[in-house]
Amino acid sequence: MTHSPTVSAIEPAPYRETLWQRDFKLLWGGSAVSLLGSMSATVACPLLALALTGSPIDAGRLAAAATLPGLLLLLPAGVVVDRLDRRRIMLVSQSLRGTVGIVLAISVAAGAPSILLLTIAAAVGGICMTFYNVAEVSAIPKIVLPEDLADAVAKNEARSHVALLLGRPLGGLLYSFGRFLPFAVDAVSCFVSVGALKHMRAEPFRPDPDTRRRGVTALAGELKEGLARLWTDRLLRTALTVCTVTNFFFQAVVVLLVVLGRQQQLSTILIGTLLAAPGLGGVIGTVYAQAELKEKSLMAVTIRCAWSWALLIGLVAVSSNPLIWLFGWGGVGYMGARMNIALDTYQARAVPYELLGRVAGANRFLSLGAVPFGTFCGGYAIAAFGARRTAIAIAGLIGVLAVIVTSFTLIGRPRSPRGARSG
């Protein structure tokens, strides 16, 4: 299979550096604006559903429509991304999402929105984001110099946390001025991203002609190939297992903190601040992650994160002080940012470009797939055993996971694939 030339192979060094900086800034900036708009609309959708019907069930259905279709399509999206032009996939995804946003904004402004329209818009938006995200993360190695890959991944991680911190309050503020405004802003943000993508060079993203000529019957085999690549890399497999298991538990912690906050009679503002703590911790974590990546392997970062998470959740479990909860939960986000950067950087370096979409899709499917199950099980656990006992159990189970991973490393340290670097 022939590989399209990377940015590091097609231009002289000074011009090459200018090219990757320009392309990455366009991609990063467009995605940042789009993500901010998406977060705003995510807040406005359930608010509008409640205003229309007064039913929390409809609000829950909207949340499910925005997440489940995209989650289920993560694996096929990886196959499509590896077959086709990644830049074009991003352009189509953002254009479609922006168009849906315009239709929804006009409908709301005209006073004629319906739950059906909201549900369809949420589902289409979630699917578009799935294809866009997989295409973006697998496109980074084509536009970033190898020595700057960790820096690019860190900037993307910081962007996500900042958008989470700012996007939700912005959505509530815009909604208070006009119900249609969050959707209009989301649509505009999508087309800002489209404009940025159109100014990027197209050459690095052109797929291998042999790959495009494969028939539909080859899809299952290509998906299996991507899953096999993920499974046979012991570093990726171990790190992804830790992320999946802890993501499950962390969703239970979100429910847990709300319950503990209510028991302490904290205001909704303080509870919201508490839940936002991982976002701030994540932003701080991205600042210091690169220095650690230069000294630590992916496995070392994974072990450190597992032990830190167990201790931090344990701190939340044994304390009744909201400030301790804030510190512990924020610390989880701080370590999570370092874990995400280490994992994504290693993945981009170790996985061949023609498999990167499938591996990235499988990675997200497994790690994000644990989220709804964690929330569901967490609620039942708290109802059955109480908030405090559930918190202690979660800390203990993450501690057991840390012991297993540490033992696994001591018994037989996995070696990186030839030619790969773990940071």
Protein backbone atom coordinates (compact mmCIF):
# COMPACT_ATOMS: atom_id res chain seq x y z
CA MET A 1 0.00 0.00 0.00
CA THR A 2 1.34 3.40 -0.91
CA HIS A 3 1.32 6.19 1.61
CA SER A 4 0.50 9.79 0.79
CA PRO A 5 3.41 12.07 1.59
CA THR A 6 3.35 13.62 5.03
CA VAL A 7 4.09 17.26 5.72
CA SER A 8 7.55 16.25 6.88
CA ALA A 9 8.44 14.73 3.52
CA ILE A 10 7.20 17.11 0.86
CA GLU A 11 8.72 20.52 1.61
CA PRO A 12 12.05 22.06 2.71
CA ALA A 13 12.33 22.41 6.50
CA PRO A 14 11.60 26.17 6.97
CA TYR A 15 8.62 26.16 4.62
CA ARG A 16 7.44 22.83 6.01
CA GLU A 17 7.24 24.26 9.53
CA THR A 18 5.21 27.21 8.28
CA LEU A 19 2.82 24.88 6.47
CA TRP A 20 2.05 22.66 9.44
CA GLN A 21 1.65 25.61 11.75
CA ARG A 22 -0.80 27.24 9.33
CA ASP A 23 -2.83 24.07 8.71
CA PHE A 24 -2.91 23.11 12.36
CA LYS A 25 -3.96 26.60 13.46
CA LEU A 26 -6.79 26.55 10.93
CA LEU A 27 -7.95 23.11 12.05
CA TRP A 28 -7.55 23.89 15.76
CA GLY A 29 -9.23 27.30 15.54
CA GLY A 30 -12.16 26.11 13.46
CA SER A 31 -12.71 23.14 15.75
CA ALA A 32 -12.49 25.33 18.86
CA VAL A 33 -15.22 27.67 17.60
CA SER A 34 -17.37 24.74 16.48
CA LEU A 35 -16.96 22.94 19.80
CA LEU A 36 -17.99 26.04 21.72
CA GLY A 37 -21.14 26.31 19.61
CA SER A 38 -21.88 22.63 20.03
CA MET A 39 -21.60 22.84 23.82
CA SER A 40 -23.99 25.81 23.81
CA ALA A 41 -26.59 23.92 21.78
CA THR A 42 -26.18 20.84 23.98
CA VAL A 43 -27.35 22.88 26.98
CA ALA A 44 -30.19 24.56 25.08
CA CYS A 45 -31.77 21.35 23.71
CA PRO A 46 -33.01 19.89 27.03
CA LEU A 47 -34.00 23.37 28.24
CA LEU A 48 -36.17 23.83 25.14
CA ALA A 49 -37.66 20.34 25.52
CA LEU A 50 -38.66 21.12 29.10
CA ALA A 51 -40.15 24.45 28.00
CA LEU A 52 -42.21 22.74 25.28
CA THR A 53 -43.53 19.72 27.19
CA GLY A 54 -42.44 20.07 30.81
CA SER A 55 -41.35 16.44 30.67
CA PRO A 56 -37.91 15.36 31.90
CA ILE A 57 -38.46 12.17 29.89
CA ASP A 58 -38.38 14.19 26.66
CA ALA A 59 -35.22 15.93 27.86
CA GLY A 60 -33.65 12.53 28.53
CA ARG A 61 -34.68 11.25 25.11
CA LEU A 62 -33.00 14.24 23.50
CA ALA A 63 -29.78 13.54 25.40
CA ALA A 64 -29.93 9.91 24.27
CA ALA A 65 -30.59 10.93 20.65
CA ALA A 66 -27.54 13.20 20.73
CA THR A 67 -25.19 10.50 22.02
CA LEU A 68 -26.34 6.96 21.19
CA PRO A 69 -26.45 7.06 17.33
CA GLY A 70 -23.01 8.66 17.18
CA LEU A 71 -21.64 6.19 19.71
CA LEU A 72 -22.94 3.21 17.75
CA LEU A 73 -21.42 4.58 14.54
CA LEU A 74 -17.92 5.09 15.95
CA LEU A 75 -16.62 1.77 14.61
CA PRO A 76 -18.04 2.21 11.06
CA ALA A 77 -16.86 5.83 11.12
CA GLY A 78 -13.29 4.63 11.63
CA VAL A 79 -13.53 2.45 8.52
CA VAL A 80 -14.98 5.30 6.44
CA VAL A 81 -12.32 7.74 7.64
CA ASP A 82 -9.51 5.35 6.68
CA ARG A 83 -11.03 4.90 3.21
CA LEU A 84 -11.88 8.46 2.25
CA ASP A 85 -10.48 11.98 2.32
CA ARG A 86 -10.41 13.04 5.99
CA ARG A 87 -10.64 16.75 5.18
CA ARG A 88 -13.69 16.17 2.99
CA ILE A 89 -15.37 14.11 5.72
CA MET A 90 -14.86 17.01 8.14
CA LEU A 91 -16.23 19.50 5.59
CA VAL A 92 -19.37 17.43 4.94
CA SER A 93 -19.93 16.80 8.66
CA GLN A 94 -19.70 20.46 9.62
CA SER A 95 -21.76 21.63 6.63
CA LEU A 96 -24.55 19.19 7.45
CA ARG A 97 -24.50 20.07 11.15
CA GLY A 98 -24.57 23.77 10.33
CA THR A 99 -27.52 23.33 7.97
CA VAL A 100 -29.49 21.43 10.61
CA GLY A 101 -28.68 24.19 13.08
CA ILE A 102 -30.06 26.85 10.74
CA VAL A 103 -33.30 24.90 10.23
CA LEU A 104 -33.68 24.44 13.98
CA ALA A 105 -32.92 28.09 14.77
CA ILE A 106 -35.49 29.29 12.20
CA SER A 107 -38.08 26.87 13.56
CA VAL A 108 -37.54 28.03 17.14
CA ALA A 109 -37.53 31.72 16.16
CA ALA A 110 -40.81 31.21 14.29
CA GLY A 111 -42.35 29.59 17.37
CA ALA A 112 -42.88 26.26 15.64
CA PRO A 113 -40.35 23.83 17.13
CA SER A 114 -41.37 20.26 17.87
CA ILE A 115 -39.89 17.46 19.94
CA LEU A 116 -39.56 15.38 16.76
CA LEU A 117 -37.50 18.11 15.06
CA LEU A 118 -35.33 18.53 18.15
CA THR A 119 -34.73 14.78 18.33
CA ILE A 120 -33.78 14.53 14.65
CA ALA A 121 -31.49 17.55 14.93
CA ALA A 122 -29.81 16.13 18.03
CA ALA A 123 -29.27 12.74 16.35
CA VAL A 124 -27.88 14.24 13.13
CA GLY A 125 -25.62 16.56 15.10
CA GLY A 126 -24.27 13.69 17.19
CA ILE A 127 -23.56 11.57 14.12
CA CYS A 128 -21.81 14.45 12.36
CA MET A 129 -19.65 15.08 15.42
CA THR A 130 -18.69 11.40 15.50
CA PHE A 131 -17.39 11.41 11.94
CA TYR A 132 -15.73 14.80 12.40
CA ASN A 133 -13.94 13.83 15.61
CA VAL A 134 -12.59 10.53 14.25
CA ALA A 135 -11.44 12.25 11.05
CA GLU A 136 -9.78 15.09 12.97
CA VAL A 137 -7.85 12.96 15.46
CA SER A 138 -6.58 10.67 12.70
CA ALA A 139 -5.63 13.62 10.46
CA ILE A 140 -3.25 15.24 12.94
CA PRO A 141 -0.18 13.12 11.98
CA LYS A 142 -0.51 14.31 8.38
CA ILE A 143 -0.26 18.01 9.19
CA VAL A 144 2.00 18.05 12.26
CA LEU A 145 5.73 17.37 12.37
CA PRO A 146 6.56 14.25 14.44
CA GLU A 147 8.52 16.23 17.01
CA ASP A 148 5.54 18.56 17.53
CA LEU A 149 2.88 15.86 17.80
CA ALA A 150 2.66 15.89 21.61
CA ASP A 151 2.26 19.67 21.57
CA ALA A 152 -0.57 19.44 19.04
CA VAL A 153 -2.38 16.74 21.04
CA ALA A 154 -2.01 18.82 24.23
CA LYS A 155 -3.52 21.86 22.50
CA ASN A 156 -6.48 19.77 21.33
CA GLU A 157 -7.00 18.43 24.85
CA ALA A 158 -6.89 21.94 26.34
CA ARG A 159 -9.38 23.12 23.71
CA SER A 160 -11.88 20.46 24.79
CA HIS A 161 -11.67 21.39 28.45
CA VAL A 162 -11.97 25.13 27.79
CA ALA A 163 -14.98 24.58 25.53
CA LEU A 164 -16.60 22.51 28.27
CA LEU A 165 -15.98 25.23 30.84
CA LEU A 166 -17.22 28.11 28.66
CA GLY A 167 -19.72 26.48 26.30
CA ARG A 168 -22.31 25.38 28.83
CA PRO A 169 -22.61 28.74 30.63
CA LEU A 170 -22.66 30.45 27.22
CA GLY A 171 -25.52 28.21 26.10
CA GLY A 172 -27.56 29.10 29.16
CA LEU A 173 -26.84 32.81 28.70
CA LEU A 174 -27.79 32.81 25.02
CA TYR A 175 -30.96 30.85 25.77
CA SER A 176 -31.99 33.48 28.33
CA PHE A 177 -31.80 36.18 25.62
CA GLY A 178 -33.63 34.14 23.00
CA ARG A 179 -34.41 30.45 22.65
CA PHE A 180 -33.19 30.34 19.07
CA LEU A 181 -29.82 31.99 19.77
CA PRO A 182 -27.82 28.92 20.93
CA PHE A 183 -28.82 27.05 17.77
CA ALA A 184 -28.04 30.02 15.54
CA VAL A 185 -24.63 30.42 17.17
CA ASP A 186 -23.99 26.69 16.77
CA ALA A 187 -24.82 26.91 13.05
CA VAL A 188 -22.53 29.91 12.56
CA SER A 189 -19.72 28.13 14.41
CA CYS A 190 -20.02 25.15 12.08
CA PHE A 191 -19.61 27.32 8.99
CA VAL A 192 -16.64 29.09 10.59
CA SER A 193 -15.07 25.63 10.85
CA VAL A 194 -15.99 24.92 7.21
CA GLY A 195 -14.23 28.11 6.15
CA ALA A 196 -11.11 27.15 8.08
CA LEU A 197 -11.08 23.66 6.56
CA LYS A 198 -11.40 25.06 3.02
CA HIS A 199 -8.26 27.14 3.56
CA MET A 200 -6.22 24.06 4.52
CA ARG A 201 -4.17 22.20 1.93
CA ALA A 202 -6.03 19.23 0.43
CA GLU A 203 -2.98 17.20 -0.64
CA PRO A 204 -2.07 15.57 2.71
CA PHE A 205 -5.55 14.08 3.09
CA ARG A 206 -6.00 12.41 -0.28
CA PRO A 207 -6.58 8.68 0.32
CA ASP A 208 -4.80 5.79 -1.31
CA PRO A 209 -6.66 4.97 -4.59
CA ASP A 210 -6.41 1.25 -3.82
CA THR A 211 -8.24 1.80 -0.52
CA ARG A 212 -11.08 3.71 -2.19
CA ARG A 213 -11.64 0.91 -4.72
CA ARG A 214 -12.43 -1.68 -2.03
CA GLY A 215 -16.02 -2.90 -2.09
CA VAL A 216 -18.65 -2.87 0.64
CA THR A 217 -17.96 -6.53 1.41
CA ALA A 218 -14.48 -5.58 2.62
CA LEU A 219 -15.84 -3.35 5.40
CA ALA A 220 -16.09 -6.12 7.99
CA GLY A 221 -12.55 -7.25 7.27
CA GLU A 222 -11.23 -3.71 7.53
CA LEU A 223 -13.00 -3.21 10.85
CA LYS A 224 -11.55 -6.46 12.14
CA GLU A 225 -8.09 -5.33 11.02
CA GLY A 226 -8.40 -2.13 13.06
CA LEU A 227 -9.61 -3.96 16.17
CA ALA A 228 -6.80 -6.49 15.83
CA ARG A 229 -4.23 -3.68 15.65
CA LEU A 230 -5.61 -2.19 18.84
CA TRP A 231 -5.70 -5.55 20.64
CA THR A 232 -2.20 -6.67 19.68
CA ASP A 233 -0.56 -3.49 20.94
CA ARG A 234 -0.21 -4.26 24.65
CA LEU A 235 0.44 -0.65 25.62
CA LEU A 236 -2.68 0.60 23.84
CA ARG A 237 -4.75 -2.31 25.10
CA THR A 238 -3.74 -1.77 28.73
CA ALA A 239 -4.17 2.01 28.65
CA LEU A 240 -7.56 1.73 26.94
CA THR A 241 -8.73 -0.85 29.49
CA VAL A 242 -7.84 1.50 32.34
CA CYS A 243 -9.61 4.42 30.61
CA THR A 244 -12.75 2.37 29.92
CA VAL A 245 -13.05 1.01 33.45
CA THR A 246 -12.37 4.35 35.12
CA ASN A 247 -14.76 6.21 32.78
CA PHE A 248 -17.46 3.82 33.98
CA PHE A 249 -16.71 4.65 37.62
CA PHE A 250 -16.30 8.39 37.03
CA GLN A 251 -19.87 8.68 35.73
CA ALA A 252 -21.06 7.13 38.98
CA VAL A 253 -18.97 9.74 40.83
CA VAL A 254 -20.84 12.53 39.02
CA VAL A 255 -24.14 11.21 40.38
CA LEU A 256 -22.47 10.65 43.73
CA LEU A 257 -21.30 14.27 44.03
CA VAL A 258 -24.78 15.59 43.25
CA VAL A 259 -26.23 13.37 46.01
CA LEU A 260 -23.52 14.36 48.50
CA GLY A 261 -24.00 18.02 47.63
CA ARG A 262 -27.73 17.76 48.26
CA GLN A 263 -27.10 16.02 51.57
CA GLN A 264 -24.83 18.92 52.56
CA GLN A 265 -27.52 21.37 51.36
CA LEU A 266 -25.14 23.03 48.90
CA SER A 267 -26.61 25.51 46.43
CA THR A 268 -27.05 24.49 42.79
CA ILE A 269 -24.30 26.97 41.86
CA LEU A 270 -21.83 25.26 44.20
CA ILE A 271 -22.83 21.81 42.93
CA GLY A 272 -22.36 23.03 39.35
CA THR A 273 -18.94 24.42 40.27
CA LEU A 274 -18.04 21.10 41.84
CA LEU A 275 -19.03 19.18 38.71
CA ALA A 276 -17.04 21.61 36.54
CA ALA A 277 -13.84 21.04 38.55
CA PRO A 278 -12.43 18.36 36.18
CA GLY A 279 -12.63 20.88 33.33
CA LEU A 280 -10.40 23.33 35.16
CA GLY A 281 -8.14 20.53 36.35
CA GLY A 282 -7.88 19.29 32.78
CA VAL A 283 -6.79 22.70 31.49
CA ILE A 284 -4.04 22.82 34.13
CA GLY A 285 -3.07 19.25 33.36
CA THR A 286 -2.46 20.00 29.70
CA VAL A 287 0.09 22.66 30.65
CA TYR A 288 2.34 20.18 32.46
CA ALA A 289 1.64 17.03 30.46
CA GLN A 290 4.30 17.57 27.79
CA ALA A 291 7.16 17.68 30.29
CA GLU A 292 6.01 14.35 31.72
CA LEU A 293 5.67 12.77 28.27
CA LYS A 294 9.33 13.48 27.57
CA GLU A 295 10.33 11.39 30.58
CA LYS A 296 7.55 8.82 31.02
CA SER A 297 6.23 6.04 28.79
CA LEU A 298 2.51 5.49 28.17
CA MET A 299 2.56 2.60 30.65
CA ALA A 300 4.20 4.74 33.34
CA VAL A 301 1.58 7.48 32.84
CA THR A 302 -1.20 4.87 32.96
CA ILE A 303 0.02 3.42 36.26
CA ARG A 304 0.49 6.85 37.80
CA CYS A 305 -3.02 7.90 36.75
CA ALA A 306 -4.64 4.73 38.09
CA TRP A 307 -3.05 5.14 41.53
CA SER A 308 -3.78 8.87 41.60
CA TRP A 309 -7.43 8.34 40.69
CA ALA A 310 -7.85 5.72 43.42
CA LEU A 311 -6.35 8.07 46.04
CA LEU A 312 -8.31 11.12 44.87
CA ILE A 313 -11.66 9.31 44.84
CA GLY A 314 -10.76 7.85 48.23
CA LEU A 315 -10.20 11.39 49.47
CA VAL A 316 -13.70 12.34 48.29
CA ALA A 317 -15.13 9.21 49.92
CA VAL A 318 -13.76 9.82 53.42
CA SER A 319 -14.25 13.60 53.59
CA SER A 320 -17.35 15.67 54.26
CA ASN A 321 -15.68 18.92 53.22
CA PRO A 322 -16.87 20.28 49.82
CA LEU A 323 -13.48 21.92 49.30
CA ILE A 324 -11.84 18.49 49.56
CA TRP A 325 -14.35 17.16 47.04
CA LEU A 326 -13.48 20.05 44.74
CA PHE A 327 -9.77 19.30 45.04
CA GLY A 328 -10.22 15.55 44.58
CA TRP A 329 -12.58 15.76 41.61
CA GLY A 330 -10.50 18.49 39.99
CA GLY A 331 -7.43 16.31 40.48
CA VAL A 332 -9.18 13.53 38.58
CA GLY A 333 -9.54 15.90 35.61
CA TYR A 334 -5.91 17.00 35.98
CA MET A 335 -4.64 13.42 35.72
CA GLY A 336 -7.21 12.58 33.05
CA ALA A 337 -5.82 15.27 30.74
CA ARG A 338 -2.33 13.79 31.09
CA MET A 339 -3.67 10.32 30.36
CA ASN A 340 -5.55 11.48 27.26
CA ILE A 341 -2.52 13.30 25.87
CA ALA A 342 -0.19 10.34 26.49
CA LEU A 343 -2.63 7.89 24.91
CA ASP A 344 -3.46 10.00 21.85
CA THR A 345 0.19 10.87 21.24
CA TYR A 346 1.31 7.25 21.46
CA GLN A 347 -1.59 6.16 19.24
CA ALA A 348 -0.73 8.73 16.56
CA ARG A 349 2.94 7.65 16.56
CA ALA A 350 2.54 3.89 16.85
CA VAL A 351 -0.46 3.14 14.61
CA PRO A 352 0.02 3.24 10.81
CA TYR A 353 -1.83 6.15 9.21
CA GLU A 354 -4.01 3.85 7.07
CA LEU A 355 -5.31 2.17 10.27
CA LEU A 356 -5.52 5.22 12.50
CA GLY A 357 -9.19 6.01 11.85
CA ARG A 358 -10.30 2.50 12.79
CA VAL A 359 -8.12 2.38 15.89
CA ALA A 360 -9.28 5.85 17.00
CA GLY A 361 -12.92 4.90 16.40
CA ALA A 362 -12.57 1.69 18.41
CA ASN A 363 -10.76 3.58 21.16
CA ARG A 364 -13.59 6.10 21.49
CA PHE A 365 -16.29 3.44 21.18
CA LEU A 366 -14.93 1.46 24.11
CA SER A 367 -13.99 4.36 26.38
CA LEU A 368 -17.10 6.46 25.71
CA GLY A 369 -19.39 3.43 25.62
CA ALA A 370 -18.82 2.98 29.35
CA VAL A 371 -20.25 6.44 30.13
CA PRO A 372 -24.04 5.76 29.98
CA PHE A 373 -23.64 2.43 31.79
CA GLY A 374 -21.67 4.11 34.57
CA THR A 375 -24.36 6.72 35.15
CA PHE A 376 -27.09 4.07 35.15
CA CYS A 377 -25.30 1.68 37.52
CA GLY A 378 -24.08 4.51 39.76
CA GLY A 379 -27.63 5.61 40.50
CA TYR A 380 -28.68 2.10 41.48
CA ALA A 381 -25.57 1.58 43.62
CA ILE A 382 -26.14 4.81 45.54
CA ALA A 383 -29.80 3.91 46.10
CA ALA A 384 -28.87 0.43 47.34
CA PHE A 385 -25.76 1.09 49.43
CA GLY A 386 -25.71 4.84 50.10
CA ALA A 387 -23.44 7.56 48.75
CA ARG A 388 -20.57 7.12 51.18
CA ARG A 389 -20.26 3.34 50.78
CA THR A 390 -20.50 3.64 47.02
CA ALA A 391 -17.67 6.19 46.99
CA ILE A 392 -15.46 3.94 49.12
CA ALA A 393 -16.23 0.97 46.85
CA ILE A 394 -15.34 2.95 43.72
CA ALA A 395 -12.03 4.08 45.22
CA GLY A 396 -11.25 0.50 46.25
CA LEU A 397 -12.08 -0.95 42.83
CA ILE A 398 -9.91 1.61 41.05
CA GLY A 399 -7.17 0.74 43.55
CA VAL A 400 -7.51 -2.94 42.61
CA LEU A 401 -7.21 -1.93 38.94
CA ALA A 402 -4.02 -0.01 39.77
CA VAL A 403 -2.55 -3.07 41.53
CA ILE A 404 -3.37 -5.29 38.54
CA VAL A 405 -1.81 -2.91 36.01
CA THR A 406 1.28 -2.41 38.15
CA SER A 407 1.69 -6.17 38.60
CA PHE A 408 1.21 -6.69 34.88
CA THR A 409 4.07 -4.28 34.21
CA LEU A 410 6.41 -5.85 36.77
CA ILE A 411 5.77 -9.40 35.50
CA GLY A 412 6.45 -8.54 31.87
CA ARG A 413 6.88 -4.98 30.66
CA PRO A 414 5.36 -4.68 27.17
CA ARG A 415 7.63 -3.34 24.48
CA SER A 416 6.61 -0.62 22.06
CA PRO A 417 6.14 -1.64 18.42
CA ARG A 418 9.26 -1.20 16.32
CA GLY A 419 9.72 2.39 15.28
CA ALA A 420 7.15 3.70 17.74
CA ARG A 421 7.79 6.08 20.56
CA SER A 422 5.73 6.32 23.72
CA GLY A 423 6.65 9.91 24.40
